[in-house]
Amino acid sequence: MYFKHILLSLACALSVYMAQAQTYGDGLVINEFVAANDSLSGIADPNGQFEDWIELYNGGNLALNLENFALSDKPDNPLKWLFPAGTTLEPDGYLIIWADEDQSQEGLHANFKLSKSGEFLMLSNPFGEVLDSLTFGPQETNIAYARRPNGTGNFIMQNSTFGYNNDEVNSTVQRLFPQPLFTLSPNPATTEVVIGWTTEEAPSVLAIDILNLTGQVLWRGVGGSYTSFRIPVEGITPGIYHVRIQTDKGIWVQPLTVTR
């Protein structure tokens, strides 16, 4: 009887340890980043600025509370930038951090920038334990350094998949046009927003999404061919979001403000 009690206690302790290990970051990785982002990318932060960005992916089975998790570009300072309270990431979810040294702006903004010539990047849990890290070389403007397969593979250069599965990247050269592919009207919007194309021929749309500032998909439209497209936003909480359109020619993203 005593021996069974010892075994049961050990099993309980092991299950608690495993739960804590998952709670503190198992499966969380640096999944993609762009170290040289400009206006031709179409990917702007909530203030309309084209800043470098980092995407995290939660490949674990549990939702993660990321308060006091950290990102850093210095191996001797793993807790350089701490995630604020209230930052969470669901399983199979993506999270966007802007690397622009401007923490006064809305959204997640790290206190360091990424270097196009290459540098170091690290992700740690609140105990300073390194969850993921890499040293990367020179980067290309508006080209992502991303894990393939998504969440687990080695980093390769490819078209960006902002808040999206890296395996679903379009092989066509992204952002073929010197201006955004689409317009949003009205913007700010209250009940709906209409997407219009800036090209003479409407692209073949694979997906239309509305993402919040952490990269989570709040609404998804059905792909197809449209001369214009209406998105209802009356059910979305007022704030700043991103509209992301994946087409046969690449992926474009633009900020959207919802008001009442």
C-alpha atoms as a PDB file:
ATOM      1  CA  MET A   1       0.000   0.000   0.000  1.00  0.00           C
ATOM      2  CA  TYR A   2       2.819   2.396   0.941  1.00  0.00           C
ATOM      3  CA  PHE A   3       4.661   1.571  -2.289  1.00  0.00           C
ATOM      4  CA  LYS A   4       1.528   2.320  -4.351  1.00  0.00           C
ATOM      5  CA  HIS A   5       1.196   5.654  -2.545  1.00  0.00           C
ATOM      6  CA  ILE A   6       4.804   6.554  -3.444  1.00  0.00           C
ATOM      7  CA  LEU A   7       4.203   5.643  -7.099  1.00  0.00           C
ATOM      8  CA  LEU A   8       1.004   7.719  -7.180  1.00  0.00           C
ATOM      9  CA  SER A   9       2.819  10.717  -5.673  1.00  0.00           C
ATOM     10  CA  LEU A  10       5.617  10.429  -8.220  1.00  0.00           C
ATOM     11  CA  ALA A  11       3.096  10.210 -11.059  1.00  0.00           C
ATOM     12  CA  CYS A  12       1.291  13.307  -9.799  1.00  0.00           C
ATOM     13  CA  ALA A  13       4.566  15.209  -9.444  1.00  0.00           C
ATOM     14  CA  LEU A  14       5.564  14.204 -12.976  1.00  0.00           C
ATOM     15  CA  SER A  15       2.229  15.344 -14.425  1.00  0.00           C
ATOM     16  CA  VAL A  16       2.527  18.692 -12.617  1.00  0.00           C
ATOM     17  CA  TYR A  17       6.083  19.112 -13.924  1.00  0.00           C
ATOM     18  CA  MET A  18       5.009  18.339 -17.482  1.00  0.00           C
ATOM     19  CA  ALA A  19       2.098  20.781 -17.241  1.00  0.00           C
ATOM     20  CA  GLN A  20       4.432  23.486 -15.932  1.00  0.00           C
ATOM     21  CA  ALA A  21       6.908  22.768 -18.740  1.00  0.00           C
ATOM     22  CA  GLN A  22       4.168  23.276 -21.309  1.00  0.00           C
ATOM     23  CA  THR A  23       2.804  26.331 -19.486  1.00  0.00           C
ATOM     24  CA  TYR A  24       6.217  27.943 -19.628  1.00  0.00           C
ATOM     25  CA  GLY A  25       6.754  27.694 -23.324  1.00  0.00           C
ATOM     26  CA  ASP A  26       6.897  24.211 -24.811  1.00  0.00           C
ATOM     27  CA  GLY A  27       6.200  24.497 -28.529  1.00  0.00           C
ATOM     28  CA  LEU A  28       6.652  28.277 -28.715  1.00  0.00           C
ATOM     29  CA  VAL A  29       9.106  29.271 -31.465  1.00  0.00           C
ATOM     30  CA  ILE A  30      10.350  32.187 -33.502  1.00  0.00           C
ATOM     31  CA  ASN A  31       8.581  31.228 -36.714  1.00  0.00           C
ATOM     32  CA  GLU A  32       9.277  34.049 -39.169  1.00  0.00           C
ATOM     33  CA  PHE A  33      10.653  37.588 -39.341  1.00  0.00           C
ATOM     34  CA  VAL A  34      11.432  40.357 -41.798  1.00  0.00           C
ATOM     35  CA  ALA A  35      14.528  42.408 -40.974  1.00  0.00           C
ATOM     36  CA  ALA A  36      14.038  44.950 -43.786  1.00  0.00           C
ATOM     37  CA  ASN A  37      10.409  45.945 -44.309  1.00  0.00           C
ATOM     38  CA  ASP A  38       9.417  48.923 -46.448  1.00  0.00           C
ATOM     39  CA  SER A  39       6.304  50.395 -48.070  1.00  0.00           C
ATOM     40  CA  LEU A  40       6.386  48.009 -51.037  1.00  0.00           C
ATOM     41  CA  SER A  41       5.592  45.147 -48.674  1.00  0.00           C
ATOM     42  CA  GLY A  42       2.155  46.554 -47.867  1.00  0.00           C
ATOM     43  CA  ILE A  43       2.660  45.390 -44.249  1.00  0.00           C
ATOM     44  CA  ALA A  44       2.347  48.364 -41.887  1.00  0.00           C
ATOM     45  CA  ASP A  45       2.036  48.564 -38.120  1.00  0.00           C
ATOM     46  CA  PRO A  46      -1.102  50.116 -36.539  1.00  0.00           C
ATOM     47  CA  ASN A  47       0.413  53.577 -37.000  1.00  0.00           C
ATOM     48  CA  GLY A  48       0.872  53.046 -40.726  1.00  0.00           C
ATOM     49  CA  GLN A  49       4.649  52.679 -40.413  1.00  0.00           C
ATOM     50  CA  PHE A  50       6.527  49.956 -42.286  1.00  0.00           C
ATOM     51  CA  GLU A  51       8.588  48.455 -39.492  1.00  0.00           C
ATOM     52  CA  ASP A  52      10.455  45.175 -39.193  1.00  0.00           C
ATOM     53  CA  TRP A  53       8.453  42.412 -37.544  1.00  0.00           C
ATOM     54  CA  ILE A  54       8.798  39.071 -35.786  1.00  0.00           C
ATOM     55  CA  GLU A  55       6.219  36.278 -35.784  1.00  0.00           C
ATOM     56  CA  LEU A  56       5.913  33.691 -33.000  1.00  0.00           C
ATOM     57  CA  TYR A  57       4.045  30.409 -33.366  1.00  0.00           C
ATOM     58  CA  ASN A  58       2.562  28.255 -30.603  1.00  0.00           C
ATOM     59  CA  GLY A  59       2.999  24.666 -31.720  1.00  0.00           C
ATOM     60  CA  GLY A  60       2.036  23.286 -28.301  1.00  0.00           C
ATOM     61  CA  ASN A  61      -1.285  21.939 -27.048  1.00  0.00           C
ATOM     62  CA  LEU A  62      -1.955  24.639 -24.438  1.00  0.00           C
ATOM     63  CA  ALA A  63      -2.771  28.316 -24.570  1.00  0.00           C
ATOM     64  CA  LEU A  64       0.204  30.311 -23.284  1.00  0.00           C
ATOM     65  CA  ASN A  65       0.216  33.306 -20.990  1.00  0.00           C
ATOM     66  CA  LEU A  66       3.225  35.213 -22.327  1.00  0.00           C
ATOM     67  CA  GLU A  67       3.515  37.784 -19.560  1.00  0.00           C
ATOM     68  CA  ASN A  68       7.256  38.219 -18.834  1.00  0.00           C
ATOM     69  CA  PHE A  69       8.342  35.974 -21.681  1.00  0.00           C
ATOM     70  CA  ALA A  70      11.100  37.813 -23.530  1.00  0.00           C
ATOM     71  CA  LEU A  71      12.692  38.586 -26.870  1.00  0.00           C
ATOM     72  CA  SER A  72      16.248  39.838 -27.227  1.00  0.00           C
ATOM     73  CA  ASP A  73      18.929  40.557 -29.798  1.00  0.00           C
ATOM     74  CA  LYS A  74      21.652  40.190 -27.156  1.00  0.00           C
ATOM     75  CA  PRO A  75      22.756  36.700 -25.989  1.00  0.00           C
ATOM     76  CA  ASP A  76      24.001  38.167 -22.690  1.00  0.00           C
ATOM     77  CA  ASN A  77      20.662  39.891 -22.015  1.00  0.00           C
ATOM     78  CA  PRO A  78      17.911  37.285 -22.650  1.00  0.00           C
ATOM     79  CA  LEU A  79      15.211  39.347 -20.884  1.00  0.00           C
ATOM     80  CA  LYS A  80      15.834  42.546 -22.870  1.00  0.00           C
ATOM     81  CA  TRP A  81      12.176  43.030 -23.898  1.00  0.00           C
ATOM     82  CA  LEU A  82       9.377  41.527 -21.799  1.00  0.00           C
ATOM     83  CA  PHE A  83       5.905  40.762 -23.090  1.00  0.00           C
ATOM     84  CA  PRO A  84       3.320  42.846 -21.219  1.00  0.00           C
ATOM     85  CA  ALA A  85       0.552  41.481 -19.003  1.00  0.00           C
ATOM     86  CA  GLY A  86      -2.448  40.172 -20.898  1.00  0.00           C
ATOM     87  CA  THR A  87      -0.455  38.778 -23.836  1.00  0.00           C
ATOM     88  CA  THR A  88      -1.675  35.283 -24.681  1.00  0.00           C
ATOM     89  CA  LEU A  89      -1.292  32.883 -27.595  1.00  0.00           C
ATOM     90  CA  GLU A  90      -3.630  30.006 -28.404  1.00  0.00           C
ATOM     91  CA  PRO A  91      -2.421  26.619 -29.722  1.00  0.00           C
ATOM     92  CA  ASP A  92      -1.630  26.758 -33.451  1.00  0.00           C
ATOM     93  CA  GLY A  93      -1.758  30.566 -33.131  1.00  0.00           C
ATOM     94  CA  TYR A  94       0.525  33.320 -34.416  1.00  0.00           C
ATOM     95  CA  LEU A  95       1.693  36.505 -32.704  1.00  0.00           C
ATOM     96  CA  ILE A  96       3.253  39.568 -34.366  1.00  0.00           C
ATOM     97  CA  ILE A  97       5.825  41.815 -32.633  1.00  0.00           C
ATOM     98  CA  TRP A  98       7.075  44.992 -34.306  1.00  0.00           C
ATOM     99  CA  ALA A  99      10.854  45.423 -33.943  1.00  0.00           C
ATOM    100  CA  ASP A 100      10.992  49.225 -34.054  1.00  0.00           C
ATOM    101  CA  GLU A 101      12.088  50.533 -30.619  1.00  0.00           C
ATOM    102  CA  ASP A 102       8.774  52.384 -30.249  1.00  0.00           C
ATOM    103  CA  GLN A 103       6.938  50.971 -27.242  1.00  0.00           C
ATOM    104  CA  SER A 104       4.682  54.020 -26.966  1.00  0.00           C
ATOM    105  CA  GLN A 105       2.583  52.813 -29.918  1.00  0.00           C
ATOM    106  CA  GLU A 106      -0.406  50.488 -29.826  1.00  0.00           C
ATOM    107  CA  GLY A 107       0.351  46.799 -30.207  1.00  0.00           C
ATOM    108  CA  LEU A 108       3.469  44.831 -29.325  1.00  0.00           C
ATOM    109  CA  HIS A 109       6.624  46.841 -30.057  1.00  0.00           C
ATOM    110  CA  ALA A 110      10.044  45.524 -28.985  1.00  0.00           C
ATOM    111  CA  ASN A 111      12.773  47.812 -27.639  1.00  0.00           C
ATOM    112  CA  PHE A 112      15.198  46.738 -30.366  1.00  0.00           C
ATOM    113  CA  LYS A 113      15.342  46.663 -34.154  1.00  0.00           C
ATOM    114  CA  LEU A 114      16.460  43.925 -36.519  1.00  0.00           C
ATOM    115  CA  SER A 115      19.592  44.395 -38.601  1.00  0.00           C
ATOM    116  CA  LYS A 116      19.407  43.765 -42.349  1.00  0.00           C
ATOM    117  CA  SER A 117      23.095  42.826 -42.287  1.00  0.00           C
ATOM    118  CA  GLY A 118      22.393  40.007 -39.811  1.00  0.00           C
ATOM    119  CA  GLU A 119      22.458  39.495 -36.062  1.00  0.00           C
ATOM    120  CA  PHE A 120      21.152  37.363 -33.170  1.00  0.00           C
ATOM    121  CA  LEU A 121      17.574  36.723 -32.010  1.00  0.00           C
ATOM    122  CA  MET A 122      16.417  34.913 -28.875  1.00  0.00           C
ATOM    123  CA  LEU A 123      13.112  33.898 -27.230  1.00  0.00           C
ATOM    124  CA  SER A 124      13.047  33.085 -23.501  1.00  0.00           C
ATOM    125  CA  ASN A 125      10.505  32.187 -20.830  1.00  0.00           C
ATOM    126  CA  PRO A 126      10.171  34.170 -17.554  1.00  0.00           C
ATOM    127  CA  PHE A 127      12.921  32.077 -15.928  1.00  0.00           C
ATOM    128  CA  GLY A 128      15.467  33.071 -18.549  1.00  0.00           C
ATOM    129  CA  GLU A 129      15.393  29.624 -20.134  1.00  0.00           C
ATOM    130  CA  VAL A 130      15.983  29.878 -23.884  1.00  0.00           C
ATOM    131  CA  LEU A 131      13.066  28.485 -25.908  1.00  0.00           C
ATOM    132  CA  ASP A 132      14.438  29.379 -29.328  1.00  0.00           C
ATOM    133  CA  SER A 133      17.362  31.313 -30.774  1.00  0.00           C
ATOM    134  CA  LEU A 134      19.226  31.824 -34.010  1.00  0.00           C
ATOM    135  CA  THR A 135      22.022  33.804 -35.583  1.00  0.00           C
ATOM    136  CA  PHE A 136      21.100  34.993 -39.065  1.00  0.00           C
ATOM    137  CA  GLY A 137      23.058  36.501 -41.913  1.00  0.00           C
ATOM    138  CA  PRO A 138      22.251  39.279 -44.406  1.00  0.00           C
ATOM    139  CA  GLN A 139      18.567  39.671 -45.279  1.00  0.00           C
ATOM    140  CA  GLU A 140      16.695  40.951 -48.344  1.00  0.00           C
ATOM    141  CA  THR A 141      14.149  43.763 -48.257  1.00  0.00           C
ATOM    142  CA  ASN A 142      10.559  42.481 -47.847  1.00  0.00           C
ATOM    143  CA  ILE A 143      11.710  38.846 -47.892  1.00  0.00           C
ATOM    144  CA  ALA A 144      11.025  36.735 -44.819  1.00  0.00           C
ATOM    145  CA  TYR A 145      13.314  34.353 -42.987  1.00  0.00           C
ATOM    146  CA  ALA A 146      10.865  31.595 -42.074  1.00  0.00           C
ATOM    147  CA  ARG A 147      10.716  28.061 -40.718  1.00  0.00           C
ATOM    148  CA  ARG A 148       9.835  25.364 -43.249  1.00  0.00           C
ATOM    149  CA  PRO A 149       8.045  23.153 -42.367  1.00  0.00           C
ATOM    150  CA  ASN A 150       6.014  25.655 -40.393  1.00  0.00           C
ATOM    151  CA  GLY A 151       6.942  25.807 -36.707  1.00  0.00           C
ATOM    152  CA  THR A 152       9.573  23.056 -36.811  1.00  0.00           C
ATOM    153  CA  GLY A 153      11.850  23.338 -39.833  1.00  0.00           C
ATOM    154  CA  ASN A 154      15.027  25.225 -40.587  1.00  0.00           C
ATOM    155  CA  PHE A 155      14.917  28.883 -41.588  1.00  0.00           C
ATOM    156  CA  ILE A 156      14.864  29.726 -45.275  1.00  0.00           C
ATOM    157  CA  MET A 157      14.272  32.924 -47.244  1.00  0.00           C
ATOM    158  CA  GLN A 158      10.822  33.111 -48.822  1.00  0.00           C
ATOM    159  CA  ASN A 159       7.866  35.407 -49.447  1.00  0.00           C
ATOM    160  CA  SER A 160       6.366  36.492 -46.136  1.00  0.00           C
ATOM    161  CA  THR A 161       3.250  34.852 -44.687  1.00  0.00           C
ATOM    162  CA  PHE A 162       2.387  37.497 -42.069  1.00  0.00           C
ATOM    163  CA  GLY A 163       0.421  35.707 -39.296  1.00  0.00           C
ATOM    164  CA  TYR A 164      -0.019  32.657 -41.516  1.00  0.00           C
ATOM    165  CA  ASN A 165       1.301  29.114 -42.048  1.00  0.00           C
ATOM    166  CA  ASN A 166       4.745  29.302 -43.695  1.00  0.00           C
ATOM    167  CA  ASP A 167       4.055  26.186 -45.758  1.00  0.00           C
ATOM    168  CA  GLU A 168       1.296  27.992 -47.655  1.00  0.00           C
ATOM    169  CA  VAL A 169       3.591  30.623 -49.158  1.00  0.00           C
ATOM    170  CA  ASN A 170       2.974  31.521 -52.793  1.00  0.00           C
ATOM    171  CA  SER A 171       5.978  30.758 -54.981  1.00  0.00           C
ATOM    172  CA  THR A 172       5.256  33.764 -57.214  1.00  0.00           C
ATOM    173  CA  VAL A 173       7.386  36.812 -56.430  1.00  0.00           C
ATOM    174  CA  GLN A 174       5.375  38.727 -53.871  1.00  0.00           C
ATOM    175  CA  ARG A 175       4.193  42.340 -54.168  1.00  0.00           C
ATOM    176  CA  LEU A 176       4.600  42.612 -57.917  1.00  0.00           C
ATOM    177  CA  PHE A 177       3.040  46.074 -58.031  1.00  0.00           C
ATOM    178  CA  PRO A 178       4.691  49.318 -56.836  1.00  0.00           C
ATOM    179  CA  GLN A 179       1.495  50.252 -54.983  1.00  0.00           C
ATOM    180  CA  PRO A 180      -0.901  48.354 -52.675  1.00  0.00           C
ATOM    181  CA  LEU A 181      -2.988  45.743 -54.464  1.00  0.00           C
ATOM    182  CA  PHE A 182      -6.236  46.900 -52.863  1.00  0.00           C
ATOM    183  CA  THR A 183      -8.002  49.842 -51.244  1.00  0.00           C
ATOM    184  CA  LEU A 184     -10.273  49.883 -48.179  1.00  0.00           C
ATOM    185  CA  SER A 185     -13.279  52.219 -48.176  1.00  0.00           C
ATOM    186  CA  PRO A 186     -14.350  53.677 -45.886  1.00  0.00           C
ATOM    187  CA  ASN A 187     -11.398  53.499 -43.536  1.00  0.00           C
ATOM    188  CA  PRO A 188     -12.162  54.045 -40.654  1.00  0.00           C
ATOM    189  CA  ALA A 189     -15.248  51.833 -41.061  1.00  0.00           C
ATOM    190  CA  THR A 190     -18.319  51.432 -38.848  1.00  0.00           C
ATOM    191  CA  THR A 191     -20.537  48.711 -40.353  1.00  0.00           C
ATOM    192  CA  GLU A 192     -18.708  47.444 -43.439  1.00  0.00           C
ATOM    193  CA  VAL A 193     -15.622  48.036 -45.534  1.00  0.00           C
ATOM    194  CA  VAL A 194     -15.390  47.602 -49.294  1.00  0.00           C
ATOM    195  CA  ILE A 195     -12.258  46.177 -50.918  1.00  0.00           C
ATOM    196  CA  GLY A 196     -11.408  47.592 -54.338  1.00  0.00           C
ATOM    197  CA  TRP A 197      -8.519  46.607 -56.588  1.00  0.00           C
ATOM    198  CA  THR A 198      -5.817  48.987 -57.811  1.00  0.00           C
ATOM    199  CA  THR A 199      -5.099  46.811 -60.855  1.00  0.00           C
ATOM    200  CA  GLU A 200      -7.064  46.676 -64.109  1.00  0.00           C
ATOM    201  CA  GLU A 201      -7.703  42.955 -63.696  1.00  0.00           C
ATOM    202  CA  ALA A 202      -9.040  41.574 -60.420  1.00  0.00           C
ATOM    203  CA  PRO A 203      -6.737  38.923 -58.920  1.00  0.00           C
ATOM    204  CA  SER A 204      -7.812  35.424 -58.011  1.00  0.00           C
ATOM    205  CA  VAL A 205      -8.375  35.597 -54.246  1.00  0.00           C
ATOM    206  CA  LEU A 206      -7.400  32.583 -52.143  1.00  0.00           C
ATOM    207  CA  ALA A 207      -8.316  34.069 -48.748  1.00  0.00           C
ATOM    208  CA  ILE A 208      -9.383  37.363 -47.167  1.00  0.00           C
ATOM    209  CA  ASP A 209      -8.766  37.747 -43.424  1.00  0.00           C
ATOM    210  CA  ILE A 210      -9.156  40.340 -40.692  1.00  0.00           C
ATOM    211  CA  LEU A 211      -6.425  39.978 -38.043  1.00  0.00           C
ATOM    212  CA  ASN A 212      -6.067  41.656 -34.671  1.00  0.00           C
ATOM    213  CA  LEU A 213      -2.805  43.244 -33.569  1.00  0.00           C
ATOM    214  CA  THR A 214      -1.459  39.912 -32.325  1.00  0.00           C
ATOM    215  CA  GLY A 215      -1.968  38.224 -35.701  1.00  0.00           C
ATOM    216  CA  GLN A 216      -5.060  36.207 -34.729  1.00  0.00           C
ATOM    217  CA  VAL A 217      -7.659  35.727 -37.482  1.00  0.00           C
ATOM    218  CA  LEU A 218     -11.007  37.231 -36.398  1.00  0.00           C
ATOM    219  CA  TRP A 219     -12.830  36.856 -39.711  1.00  0.00           C
ATOM    220  CA  ARG A 220     -12.175  34.911 -42.903  1.00  0.00           C
ATOM    221  CA  GLY A 221     -13.827  35.276 -46.298  1.00  0.00           C
ATOM    222  CA  VAL A 222     -14.195  32.703 -49.042  1.00  0.00           C
ATOM    223  CA  GLY A 223     -11.777  32.830 -51.958  1.00  0.00           C
ATOM    224  CA  GLY A 224     -12.858  33.533 -55.514  1.00  0.00           C
ATOM    225  CA  SER A 225     -12.833  36.211 -58.208  1.00  0.00           C
ATOM    226  CA  TYR A 226     -14.414  39.529 -57.249  1.00  0.00           C
ATOM    227  CA  THR A 227     -14.550  42.961 -58.846  1.00  0.00           C
ATOM    228  CA  SER A 228     -15.104  44.229 -55.288  1.00  0.00           C
ATOM    229  CA  PHE A 229     -15.710  42.633 -51.904  1.00  0.00           C
ATOM    230  CA  ARG A 230     -17.669  43.789 -48.842  1.00  0.00           C
ATOM    231  CA  ILE A 231     -16.597  42.836 -45.316  1.00  0.00           C
ATOM    232  CA  PRO A 232     -19.059  43.270 -42.425  1.00  0.00           C
ATOM    233  CA  VAL A 233     -17.367  44.829 -39.378  1.00  0.00           C
ATOM    234  CA  GLU A 234     -20.329  45.728 -37.136  1.00  0.00           C
ATOM    235  CA  GLY A 235     -19.560  42.697 -34.957  1.00  0.00           C
ATOM    236  CA  ILE A 236     -15.905  43.669 -34.465  1.00  0.00           C
ATOM    237  CA  THR A 237     -14.825  45.676 -31.418  1.00  0.00           C
ATOM    238  CA  PRO A 238     -13.634  49.189 -32.351  1.00  0.00           C
ATOM    239  CA  GLY A 239      -9.876  49.297 -32.762  1.00  0.00           C
ATOM    240  CA  ILE A 240      -7.056  48.831 -35.252  1.00  0.00           C
ATOM    241  CA  TYR A 241      -6.758  45.640 -37.304  1.00  0.00           C
ATOM    242  CA  HIS A 242      -5.109  44.282 -40.451  1.00  0.00           C
ATOM    243  CA  VAL A 243      -6.847  43.134 -43.616  1.00  0.00           C
ATOM    244  CA  ARG A 244      -4.782  40.423 -45.291  1.00  0.00           C
ATOM    245  CA  ILE A 245      -5.488  39.208 -48.810  1.00  0.00           C
ATOM    246  CA  GLN A 246      -3.796  36.138 -50.237  1.00  0.00           C
ATOM    247  CA  THR A 247      -3.986  35.968 -54.033  1.00  0.00           C
ATOM    248  CA  ASP A 248      -2.462  33.981 -56.845  1.00  0.00           C
ATOM    249  CA  LYS A 249       0.186  36.724 -57.039  1.00  0.00           C
ATOM    250  CA  GLY A 250       1.149  36.903 -53.358  1.00  0.00           C
ATOM    251  CA  ILE A 251      -0.015  38.276 -50.013  1.00  0.00           C
ATOM    252  CA  TRP A 252      -0.852  41.919 -49.232  1.00  0.00           C
ATOM    253  CA  VAL A 253      -1.726  43.465 -45.872  1.00  0.00           C
ATOM    254  CA  GLN A 254      -3.232  46.859 -44.994  1.00  0.00           C
ATOM    255  CA  PRO A 255      -4.319  48.415 -41.670  1.00  0.00           C
ATOM    256  CA  LEU A 256      -8.027  48.931 -40.962  1.00  0.00           C
ATOM    257  CA  THR A 257      -9.616  51.047 -38.239  1.00  0.00           C
ATOM    258  CA  VAL A 258     -13.074  50.088 -36.924  1.00  0.00           C
ATOM    259  CA  THR A 259     -15.090  52.785 -35.140  1.00  0.00           C
ATOM    260  CA  ARG A 260     -18.662  53.314 -33.876  1.00  0.00           C
END
